[in-house]
Amino acid sequence: MGDPIQRMVDAATYEYSKDVAAAAEDVARPEDSTTTSAGIRGTNALLDSWGSEHGISGTEAHDHAKGEAKRSFITGREDAYSALRTRK
């Protein structure tokens, strides 16, 4: 009789832990989005300042550099997140 009861407790605990993890991710998602946006804004500000200083603001090369920096920023965060998740 004890084994089936233990299995029921284990199943309930597992379902509860999935709900807790989902709730934690829901809370973290807006904060992560805000942090990513702030990082991209900061990177763009640096590139805009550098572009103004060197007289290349608004050029195709400058816009390309900003796009590449944004992709690299996002890819780097995703890679770090993936690496951290595998260490659970």
PDB file of N, CA and C in Angstrom:
ATOM      1  N   MET A   1       0.827  -1.183   0.000  1.00  0.00           N
ATOM      2  CA  MET A   1       0.000   0.000   0.000  1.00  0.00           C
ATOM      3  C   MET A   1       0.878   1.256   0.000  1.00  0.00           C
ATOM      4  N   GLY A   2       2.023   1.206   0.614  1.00  0.00           N
ATOM      5  CA  GLY A   2       2.885   2.374   0.717  1.00  0.00           C
ATOM      6  C   GLY A   2       3.447   2.835  -0.613  1.00  0.00           C
ATOM      7  N   ASP A   3       3.803   1.892  -1.501  1.00  0.00           N
ATOM      8  CA  ASP A   3       4.401   2.240  -2.787  1.00  0.00           C
ATOM      9  C   ASP A   3       3.441   3.050  -3.672  1.00  0.00           C
ATOM     10  N   PRO A   4       2.179   2.650  -3.825  1.00  0.00           N
ATOM     11  CA  PRO A   4       1.267   3.459  -4.644  1.00  0.00           C
ATOM     12  C   PRO A   4       1.049   4.866  -4.068  1.00  0.00           C
ATOM     13  N   ILE A   5       0.999   4.954  -2.775  1.00  0.00           N
ATOM     14  CA  ILE A   5       0.828   6.268  -2.141  1.00  0.00           C
ATOM     15  C   ILE A   5       2.050   7.136  -2.398  1.00  0.00           C
ATOM     16  N   GLN A   6       3.236   6.536  -2.284  1.00  0.00           N
ATOM     17  CA  GLN A   6       4.464   7.290  -2.550  1.00  0.00           C
ATOM     18  C   GLN A   6       4.495   7.780  -3.993  1.00  0.00           C
ATOM     19  N   ARG A   7       4.045   6.953  -4.917  1.00  0.00           N
ATOM     20  CA  ARG A   7       3.988   7.359  -6.328  1.00  0.00           C
ATOM     21  C   ARG A   7       3.029   8.525  -6.532  1.00  0.00           C
ATOM     22  N   MET A   8       1.908   8.495  -5.834  1.00  0.00           N
ATOM     23  CA  MET A   8       0.948   9.608  -5.933  1.00  0.00           C
ATOM     24  C   MET A   8       1.567  10.896  -5.391  1.00  0.00           C
ATOM     25  N   VAL A   9       2.264  10.789  -4.286  1.00  0.00           N
ATOM     26  CA  VAL A   9       2.928  11.955  -3.703  1.00  0.00           C
ATOM     27  C   VAL A   9       4.002  12.472  -4.656  1.00  0.00           C
ATOM     28  N   ASP A  10       4.780  11.566  -5.231  1.00  0.00           N
ATOM     29  CA  ASP A  10       5.818  11.966  -6.184  1.00  0.00           C
ATOM     30  C   ASP A  10       5.209  12.672  -7.398  1.00  0.00           C
ATOM     31  N   ALA A  11       4.124  12.127  -7.929  1.00  0.00           N
ATOM     32  CA  ALA A  11       3.472  12.729  -9.094  1.00  0.00           C
ATOM     33  C   ALA A  11       2.941  14.117  -8.750  1.00  0.00           C
ATOM     34  N   ALA A  12       2.322  14.251  -7.597  1.00  0.00           N
ATOM     35  CA  ALA A  12       1.787  15.551  -7.183  1.00  0.00           C
ATOM     36  C   ALA A  12       2.911  16.561  -6.970  1.00  0.00           C
ATOM     37  N   THR A  13       4.001  16.109  -6.371  1.00  0.00           N
ATOM     38  CA  THR A  13       5.151  16.982  -6.142  1.00  0.00           C
ATOM     39  C   THR A  13       5.756  17.437  -7.462  1.00  0.00           C
ATOM     40  N   TYR A  14       5.849  16.528  -8.418  1.00  0.00           N
ATOM     41  CA  TYR A  14       6.393  16.858  -9.738  1.00  0.00           C
ATOM     42  C   TYR A  14       5.511  17.908 -10.419  1.00  0.00           C
ATOM     43  N   GLU A  15       4.213  17.711 -10.411  1.00  0.00           N
ATOM     44  CA  GLU A  15       3.293  18.672 -11.037  1.00  0.00           C
ATOM     45  C   GLU A  15       3.388  20.031 -10.349  1.00  0.00           C
ATOM     46  N   TYR A  16       3.479  20.027  -9.030  1.00  0.00           N
ATOM     47  CA  TYR A  16       3.615  21.282  -8.286  1.00  0.00           C
ATOM     48  C   TYR A  16       4.912  21.997  -8.664  1.00  0.00           C
ATOM     49  N   SER A  17       6.010  21.242  -8.772  1.00  0.00           N
ATOM     50  CA  SER A  17       7.290  21.867  -9.098  1.00  0.00           C
ATOM     51  C   SER A  17       7.271  22.460 -10.502  1.00  0.00           C
ATOM     52  N   LYS A  18       6.555  21.824 -11.452  1.00  0.00           N
ATOM     53  CA  LYS A  18       6.431  22.389 -12.802  1.00  0.00           C
ATOM     54  C   LYS A  18       5.682  23.716 -12.755  1.00  0.00           C
ATOM     55  N   ASP A  19       4.623  23.796 -11.944  1.00  0.00           N
ATOM     56  CA  ASP A  19       3.860  25.039 -11.816  1.00  0.00           C
ATOM     57  C   ASP A  19       4.700  26.144 -11.184  1.00  0.00           C
ATOM     58  N   VAL A  20       5.487  25.791 -10.180  1.00  0.00           N
ATOM     59  CA  VAL A  20       6.359  26.777  -9.525  1.00  0.00           C
ATOM     60  C   VAL A  20       7.401  27.289 -10.508  1.00  0.00           C
ATOM     61  N   ALA A  21       7.997  26.397 -11.277  1.00  0.00           N
ATOM     62  CA  ALA A  21       9.003  26.808 -12.260  1.00  0.00           C
ATOM     63  C   ALA A  21       8.384  27.699 -13.329  1.00  0.00           C
ATOM     64  N   ALA A  22       7.189  27.358 -13.789  1.00  0.00           N
ATOM     65  CA  ALA A  22       6.509  28.175 -14.803  1.00  0.00           C
ATOM     66  C   ALA A  22       6.200  29.565 -14.259  1.00  0.00           C
ATOM     67  N   ALA A  23       5.761  29.638 -13.005  1.00  0.00           N
ATOM     68  CA  ALA A  23       5.464  30.934 -12.396  1.00  0.00           C
ATOM     69  C   ALA A  23       6.728  31.776 -12.262  1.00  0.00           C
ATOM     70  N   ALA A  24       7.835  31.151 -11.889  1.00  0.00           N
ATOM     71  CA  ALA A  24       9.103  31.875 -11.764  1.00  0.00           C
ATOM     72  C   ALA A  24       9.561  32.404 -13.114  1.00  0.00           C
ATOM     73  N   GLU A  25       9.385  31.618 -14.164  1.00  0.00           N
ATOM     74  CA  GLU A  25       9.764  32.078 -15.503  1.00  0.00           C
ATOM     75  C   GLU A  25       8.884  33.232 -15.956  1.00  0.00           C
ATOM     76  N   ASP A  26       7.597  33.198 -15.610  1.00  0.00           N
ATOM     77  CA  ASP A  26       6.692  34.297 -15.958  1.00  0.00           C
ATOM     78  C   ASP A  26       7.114  35.597 -15.286  1.00  0.00           C
ATOM     79  N   VAL A  27       7.593  35.499 -14.058  1.00  0.00           N
ATOM     80  CA  VAL A  27       8.054  36.684 -13.335  1.00  0.00           C
ATOM     81  C   VAL A  27       9.353  37.199 -13.941  1.00  0.00           C
ATOM     82  N   ALA A  28      10.248  36.302 -14.320  1.00  0.00           N
ATOM     83  CA  ALA A  28      11.570  36.696 -14.822  1.00  0.00           C
ATOM     84  C   ALA A  28      11.531  37.222 -16.249  1.00  0.00           C
ATOM     85  N   ARG A  29      10.581  36.780 -17.043  1.00  0.00           N
ATOM     86  CA  ARG A  29      10.550  37.141 -18.467  1.00  0.00           C
ATOM     87  C   ARG A  29      10.513  38.655 -18.695  1.00  0.00           C
ATOM     88  N   PRO A  30       9.611  39.427 -18.057  1.00  0.00           N
ATOM     89  CA  PRO A  30       9.616  40.882 -18.298  1.00  0.00           C
ATOM     90  C   PRO A  30      10.916  41.545 -17.853  1.00  0.00           C
ATOM     91  N   GLU A  31      11.488  41.075 -16.756  1.00  0.00           N
ATOM     92  CA  GLU A  31      12.751  41.638 -16.277  1.00  0.00           C
ATOM     93  C   GLU A  31      13.868  41.364 -17.282  1.00  0.00           C
ATOM     94  N   ASP A  32      13.885  40.163 -17.834  1.00  0.00           N
ATOM     95  CA  ASP A  32      14.896  39.808 -18.828  1.00  0.00           C
ATOM     96  C   ASP A  32      14.732  40.668 -20.075  1.00  0.00           C
ATOM     97  N   SER A  33      13.492  40.875 -20.492  1.00  0.00           N
ATOM     98  CA  SER A  33      13.221  41.701 -21.662  1.00  0.00           C
ATOM     99  C   SER A  33      13.685  43.134 -21.433  1.00  0.00           C
ATOM    100  N   THR A  34      13.439  43.654 -20.236  1.00  0.00           N
ATOM    101  CA  THR A  34      13.870  45.012 -19.895  1.00  0.00           C
ATOM    102  C   THR A  34      15.388  45.107 -19.890  1.00  0.00           C
ATOM    103  N   THR A  35      16.038  44.108 -19.331  1.00  0.00           N
ATOM    104  CA  THR A  35      17.508  44.097 -19.286  1.00  0.00           C
ATOM    105  C   THR A  35      18.093  44.019 -20.690  1.00  0.00           C
ATOM    106  N   THR A  36      17.513  43.176 -21.537  1.00  0.00           N
ATOM    107  CA  THR A  36      17.989  43.069 -22.915  1.00  0.00           C
ATOM    108  C   THR A  36      17.827  44.388 -23.643  1.00  0.00           C
ATOM    109  N   SER A  37      16.670  45.005 -23.502  1.00  0.00           N
ATOM    110  CA  SER A  37      16.430  46.297 -24.153  1.00  0.00           C
ATOM    111  C   SER A  37      17.412  47.359 -23.672  1.00  0.00           C
ATOM    112  N   ALA A  38      17.677  47.369 -22.377  1.00  0.00           N
ATOM    113  CA  ALA A  38      18.628  48.343 -21.825  1.00  0.00           C
ATOM    114  C   ALA A  38      20.030  48.091 -22.372  1.00  0.00           C
ATOM    115  N   GLY A  39      20.406  46.831 -22.497  1.00  0.00           N
ATOM    116  CA  GLY A  39      21.726  46.493 -23.037  1.00  0.00           C
ATOM    117  C   GLY A  39      21.865  46.912 -24.487  1.00  0.00           C
ATOM    118  N   ILE A  40      20.820  46.693 -25.269  1.00  0.00           N
ATOM    119  CA  ILE A  40      20.853  47.080 -26.680  1.00  0.00           C
ATOM    120  C   ILE A  40      20.874  48.602 -26.805  1.00  0.00           C
ATOM    121  N   ARG A  41      20.083  49.292 -25.986  1.00  0.00           N
ATOM    122  CA  ARG A  41      20.098  50.768 -26.006  1.00  0.00           C
ATOM    123  C   ARG A  41      21.486  51.290 -25.652  1.00  0.00           C
ATOM    124  N   GLY A  42      22.122  50.690 -24.659  1.00  0.00           N
ATOM    125  CA  GLY A  42      23.463  51.111 -24.271  1.00  0.00           C
ATOM    126  C   GLY A  42      24.480  50.878 -25.371  1.00  0.00           C
ATOM    127  N   THR A  43      24.373  49.727 -26.024  1.00  0.00           N
ATOM    128  CA  THR A  43      25.280  49.422 -27.135  1.00  0.00           C
ATOM    129  C   THR A  43      25.070  50.410 -28.274  1.00  0.00           C
ATOM    130  N   ASN A  44      23.800  50.676 -28.601  1.00  0.00           N
ATOM    131  CA  ASN A  44      23.507  51.648 -29.655  1.00  0.00           C
ATOM    132  C   ASN A  44      24.034  53.035 -29.305  1.00  0.00           C
ATOM    133  N   ALA A  45      23.907  53.419 -28.047  1.00  0.00           N
ATOM    134  CA  ALA A  45      24.409  54.734 -27.624  1.00  0.00           C
ATOM    135  C   ALA A  45      25.920  54.824 -27.827  1.00  0.00           C
ATOM    136  N   LEU A  46      26.632  53.753 -27.483  1.00  0.00           N
ATOM    137  CA  LEU A  46      28.087  53.742 -27.699  1.00  0.00           C
ATOM    138  C   LEU A  46      28.426  53.860 -29.184  1.00  0.00           C
ATOM    139  N   LEU A  47      27.728  53.079 -30.007  1.00  0.00           N
ATOM    140  CA  LEU A  47      28.000  53.115 -31.442  1.00  0.00           C
ATOM    141  C   LEU A  47      27.593  54.457 -32.060  1.00  0.00           C
ATOM    142  N   ASP A  48      26.500  55.041 -31.578  1.00  0.00           N
ATOM    143  CA  ASP A  48      26.086  56.353 -32.084  1.00  0.00           C
ATOM    144  C   ASP A  48      27.109  57.423 -31.722  1.00  0.00           C
ATOM    145  N   SER A  49      27.600  57.364 -30.507  1.00  0.00           N
ATOM    146  CA  SER A  49      28.618  58.328 -30.076  1.00  0.00           C
ATOM    147  C   SER A  49      29.883  58.173 -30.910  1.00  0.00           C
ATOM    148  N   TRP A  50      30.312  56.931 -31.087  1.00  0.00           N
ATOM    149  CA  TRP A  50      31.514  56.664 -31.886  1.00  0.00           C
ATOM    150  C   TRP A  50      31.293  57.116 -33.330  1.00  0.00           C
ATOM    151  N   GLY A  51      30.101  56.833 -33.897  1.00  0.00           N
ATOM    152  CA  GLY A  51      29.799  57.226 -35.264  1.00  0.00           C
ATOM    153  C   GLY A  51      29.798  58.731 -35.440  1.00  0.00           C
ATOM    154  N   SER A  52      29.251  59.456 -34.472  1.00  0.00           N
ATOM    155  CA  SER A  52      29.254  60.924 -34.538  1.00  0.00           C
ATOM    156  C   SER A  52      30.672  61.464 -34.465  1.00  0.00           C
ATOM    157  N   GLU A  53      31.437  60.891 -33.568  1.00  0.00           N
ATOM    158  CA  GLU A  53      32.818  61.328 -33.377  1.00  0.00           C
ATOM    159  C   GLU A  53      33.660  61.129 -34.641  1.00  0.00           C
ATOM    160  N   HIS A  54      33.354  60.076 -35.404  1.00  0.00           N
ATOM    161  CA  HIS A  54      34.126  59.759 -36.600  1.00  0.00           C
ATOM    162  C   HIS A  54      33.424  60.161 -37.903  1.00  0.00           C
ATOM    163  N   GLY A  55      32.287  60.853 -37.776  1.00  0.00           N
ATOM    164  CA  GLY A  55      31.581  61.366 -38.942  1.00  0.00           C
ATOM    165  C   GLY A  55      30.951  60.315 -39.836  1.00  0.00           C
ATOM    166  N   ILE A  56      30.534  59.206 -39.261  1.00  0.00           N
ATOM    167  CA  ILE A  56      29.918  58.156 -40.089  1.00  0.00           C
ATOM    168  C   ILE A  56      28.482  57.835 -39.680  1.00  0.00           C
ATOM    169  N   SER A  57      27.897  58.608 -38.777  1.00  0.00           N
ATOM    170  CA  SER A  57      26.522  58.348 -38.336  1.00  0.00           C
ATOM    171  C   SER A  57      25.577  58.340 -39.524  1.00  0.00           C
ATOM    172  N   GLY A  58      24.665  57.376 -39.514  1.00  0.00           N
ATOM    173  CA  GLY A  58      23.659  57.286 -40.556  1.00  0.00           C
ATOM    174  C   GLY A  58      24.116  56.627 -41.844  1.00  0.00           C
ATOM    175  N   THR A  59      25.380  56.263 -41.928  1.00  0.00           N
ATOM    176  CA  THR A  59      25.852  55.585 -43.135  1.00  0.00           C
ATOM    177  C   THR A  59      25.422  54.121 -43.091  1.00  0.00           C
ATOM    178  N   GLU A  60      25.482  53.491 -44.237  1.00  0.00           N
ATOM    179  CA  GLU A  60      25.120  52.076 -44.315  1.00  0.00           C
ATOM    180  C   GLU A  60      26.025  51.237 -43.414  1.00  0.00           C
ATOM    181  N   ALA A  61      27.308  51.542 -43.411  1.00  0.00           N
ATOM    182  CA  ALA A  61      28.256  50.794 -42.581  1.00  0.00           C
ATOM    183  C   ALA A  61      27.937  50.957 -41.095  1.00  0.00           C
ATOM    184  N   HIS A  62      27.585  52.168 -40.704  1.00  0.00           N
ATOM    185  CA  HIS A  62      27.251  52.429 -39.301  1.00  0.00           C
ATOM    186  C   HIS A  62      25.982  51.674 -38.904  1.00  0.00           C
ATOM    187  N   ASP A  63      24.963  51.726 -39.757  1.00  0.00           N
ATOM    188  CA  ASP A  63      23.724  51.006 -39.477  1.00  0.00           C
ATOM    189  C   ASP A  63      23.967  49.500 -39.429  1.00  0.00           C
ATOM    190  N   HIS A  64      24.809  49.003 -40.313  1.00  0.00           N
ATOM    191  CA  HIS A  64      25.151  47.583 -40.323  1.00  0.00           C
ATOM    192  C   HIS A  64      25.857  47.193 -39.019  1.00  0.00           C
ATOM    193  N   ALA A  65      26.774  48.039 -38.575  1.00  0.00           N
ATOM    194  CA  ALA A  65      27.496  47.761 -37.325  1.00  0.00           C
ATOM    195  C   ALA A  65      26.527  47.700 -36.147  1.00  0.00           C
ATOM    196  N   LYS A  66      25.546  48.595 -36.118  1.00  0.00           N
ATOM    197  CA  LYS A  66      24.562  48.582 -35.034  1.00  0.00           C
ATOM    198  C   LYS A  66      23.711  47.314 -35.087  1.00  0.00           C
ATOM    199  N   GLY A  67      23.315  46.907 -36.293  1.00  0.00           N
ATOM    200  CA  GLY A  67      22.535  45.676 -36.422  1.00  0.00           C
ATOM    201  C   GLY A  67      23.327  44.453 -35.997  1.00  0.00           C
ATOM    202  N   GLU A  68      24.579  44.422 -36.388  1.00  0.00           N
ATOM    203  CA  GLU A  68      25.443  43.296 -36.013  1.00  0.00           C
ATOM    204  C   GLU A  68      25.680  43.269 -34.502  1.00  0.00           C
ATOM    205  N   ALA A  69      25.865  44.432 -33.905  1.00  0.00           N
ATOM    206  CA  ALA A  69      26.059  44.497 -32.452  1.00  0.00           C
ATOM    207  C   ALA A  69      24.820  43.991 -31.724  1.00  0.00           C
ATOM    208  N   LYS A  70      23.642  44.349 -32.216  1.00  0.00           N
ATOM    209  CA  LYS A  70      22.390  43.884 -31.597  1.00  0.00           C
ATOM    210  C   LYS A  70      22.287  42.362 -31.694  1.00  0.00           C
ATOM    211  N   ARG A  71      22.549  41.808 -32.873  1.00  0.00           N
ATOM    212  CA  ARG A  71      22.483  40.347 -33.035  1.00  0.00           C
ATOM    213  C   ARG A  71      23.501  39.648 -32.130  1.00  0.00           C
ATOM    214  N   SER A  72      24.694  40.197 -32.047  1.00  0.00           N
ATOM    215  CA  SER A  72      25.731  39.601 -31.200  1.00  0.00           C
ATOM    216  C   SER A  72      25.339  39.669 -29.727  1.00  0.00           C
ATOM    217  N   PHE A  73      24.755  40.779 -29.317  1.00  0.00           N
ATOM    218  CA  PHE A  73      24.319  40.942 -27.933  1.00  0.00           C
ATOM    219  C   PHE A  73      23.273  39.884 -27.581  1.00  0.00           C
ATOM    220  N   ILE A  74      22.276  39.743 -28.449  1.00  0.00           N
ATOM    221  CA  ILE A  74      21.194  38.788 -28.191  1.00  0.00           C
ATOM    222  C   ILE A  74      21.720  37.350 -28.238  1.00  0.00           C
ATOM    223  N   THR A  75      22.548  37.040 -29.222  1.00  0.00           N
ATOM    224  CA  THR A  75      23.111  35.696 -29.331  1.00  0.00           C
ATOM    225  C   THR A  75      23.962  35.356 -28.110  1.00  0.00           C
ATOM    226  N   GLY A  76      24.739  36.305 -27.639  1.00  0.00           N
ATOM    227  CA  GLY A  76      25.568  36.082 -26.458  1.00  0.00           C
ATOM    228  C   GLY A  76      24.734  35.788 -25.224  1.00  0.00           C
ATOM    229  N   ARG A  77      23.646  36.533 -25.053  1.00  0.00           N
ATOM    230  CA  ARG A  77      22.759  36.280 -23.908  1.00  0.00           C
ATOM    231  C   ARG A  77      22.112  34.909 -24.021  1.00  0.00           C
ATOM    232  N   GLU A  78      21.682  34.547 -25.238  1.00  0.00           N
ATOM    233  CA  GLU A  78      21.056  33.240 -25.430  1.00  0.00           C
ATOM    234  C   GLU A  78      22.051  32.108 -25.172  1.00  0.00           C
ATOM    235  N   ASP A  79      23.281  32.287 -25.616  1.00  0.00           N
ATOM    236  CA  ASP A  79      24.309  31.270 -25.379  1.00  0.00           C
ATOM    237  C   ASP A  79      24.590  31.114 -23.888  1.00  0.00           C
ATOM    238  N   ALA A  80      24.668  32.230 -23.182  1.00  0.00           N
ATOM    239  CA  ALA A  80      24.911  32.174 -21.739  1.00  0.00           C
ATOM    240  C   ALA A  80      23.749  31.500 -21.025  1.00  0.00           C
ATOM    241  N   TYR A  81      22.526  31.849 -21.416  1.00  0.00           N
ATOM    242  CA  TYR A  81      21.346  31.241 -20.808  1.00  0.00           C
ATOM    243  C   TYR A  81      21.336  29.726 -21.043  1.00  0.00           C
ATOM    244  N   SER A  82      21.640  29.334 -22.264  1.00  0.00           N
ATOM    245  CA  SER A  82      21.669  27.912 -22.601  1.00  0.00           C
ATOM    246  C   SER A  82      22.733  27.175 -21.779  1.00  0.00           C
ATOM    247  N   ALA A  83      23.893  27.787 -21.650  1.00  0.00           N
ATOM    248  CA  ALA A  83      24.974  27.152 -20.877  1.00  0.00           C
ATOM    249  C   ALA A  83      24.577  27.011 -19.406  1.00  0.00           C
ATOM    250  N   LEU A  84      23.918  28.016 -18.871  1.00  0.00           N
ATOM    251  CA  LEU A  84      23.515  27.951 -17.464  1.00  0.00           C
ATOM    252  C   LEU A  84      22.407  26.940 -17.241  1.00  0.00           C
ATOM    253  N   ARG A  85      21.501  26.817 -18.185  1.00  0.00           N
ATOM    254  CA  ARG A  85      20.392  25.859 -18.034  1.00  0.00           C
ATOM    255  C   ARG A  85      20.896  24.421 -18.021  1.00  0.00           C
ATOM    256  N   THR A  86      21.955  24.132 -18.742  1.00  0.00           N
ATOM    257  CA  THR A  86      22.450  22.754 -18.789  1.00  0.00           C
ATOM    258  C   THR A  86      23.138  22.353 -17.499  1.00  0.00           C
ATOM    259  N   ARG A  87      23.364  23.289 -16.604  1.00  0.00           N
ATOM    260  CA  ARG A  87      24.073  22.990 -15.353  1.00  0.00           C
ATOM    261  C   ARG A  87      23.134  22.780 -14.188  1.00  0.00           C
ATOM    262  N   LYS A  88      21.827  22.656 -14.423  1.00  0.00           N
ATOM    263  CA  LYS A  88      20.866  22.465 -13.340  1.00  0.00           C
ATOM    264  C   LYS A  88      21.131  21.168 -12.613  1.00  0.00           C
TER     265      LYS A  88
END
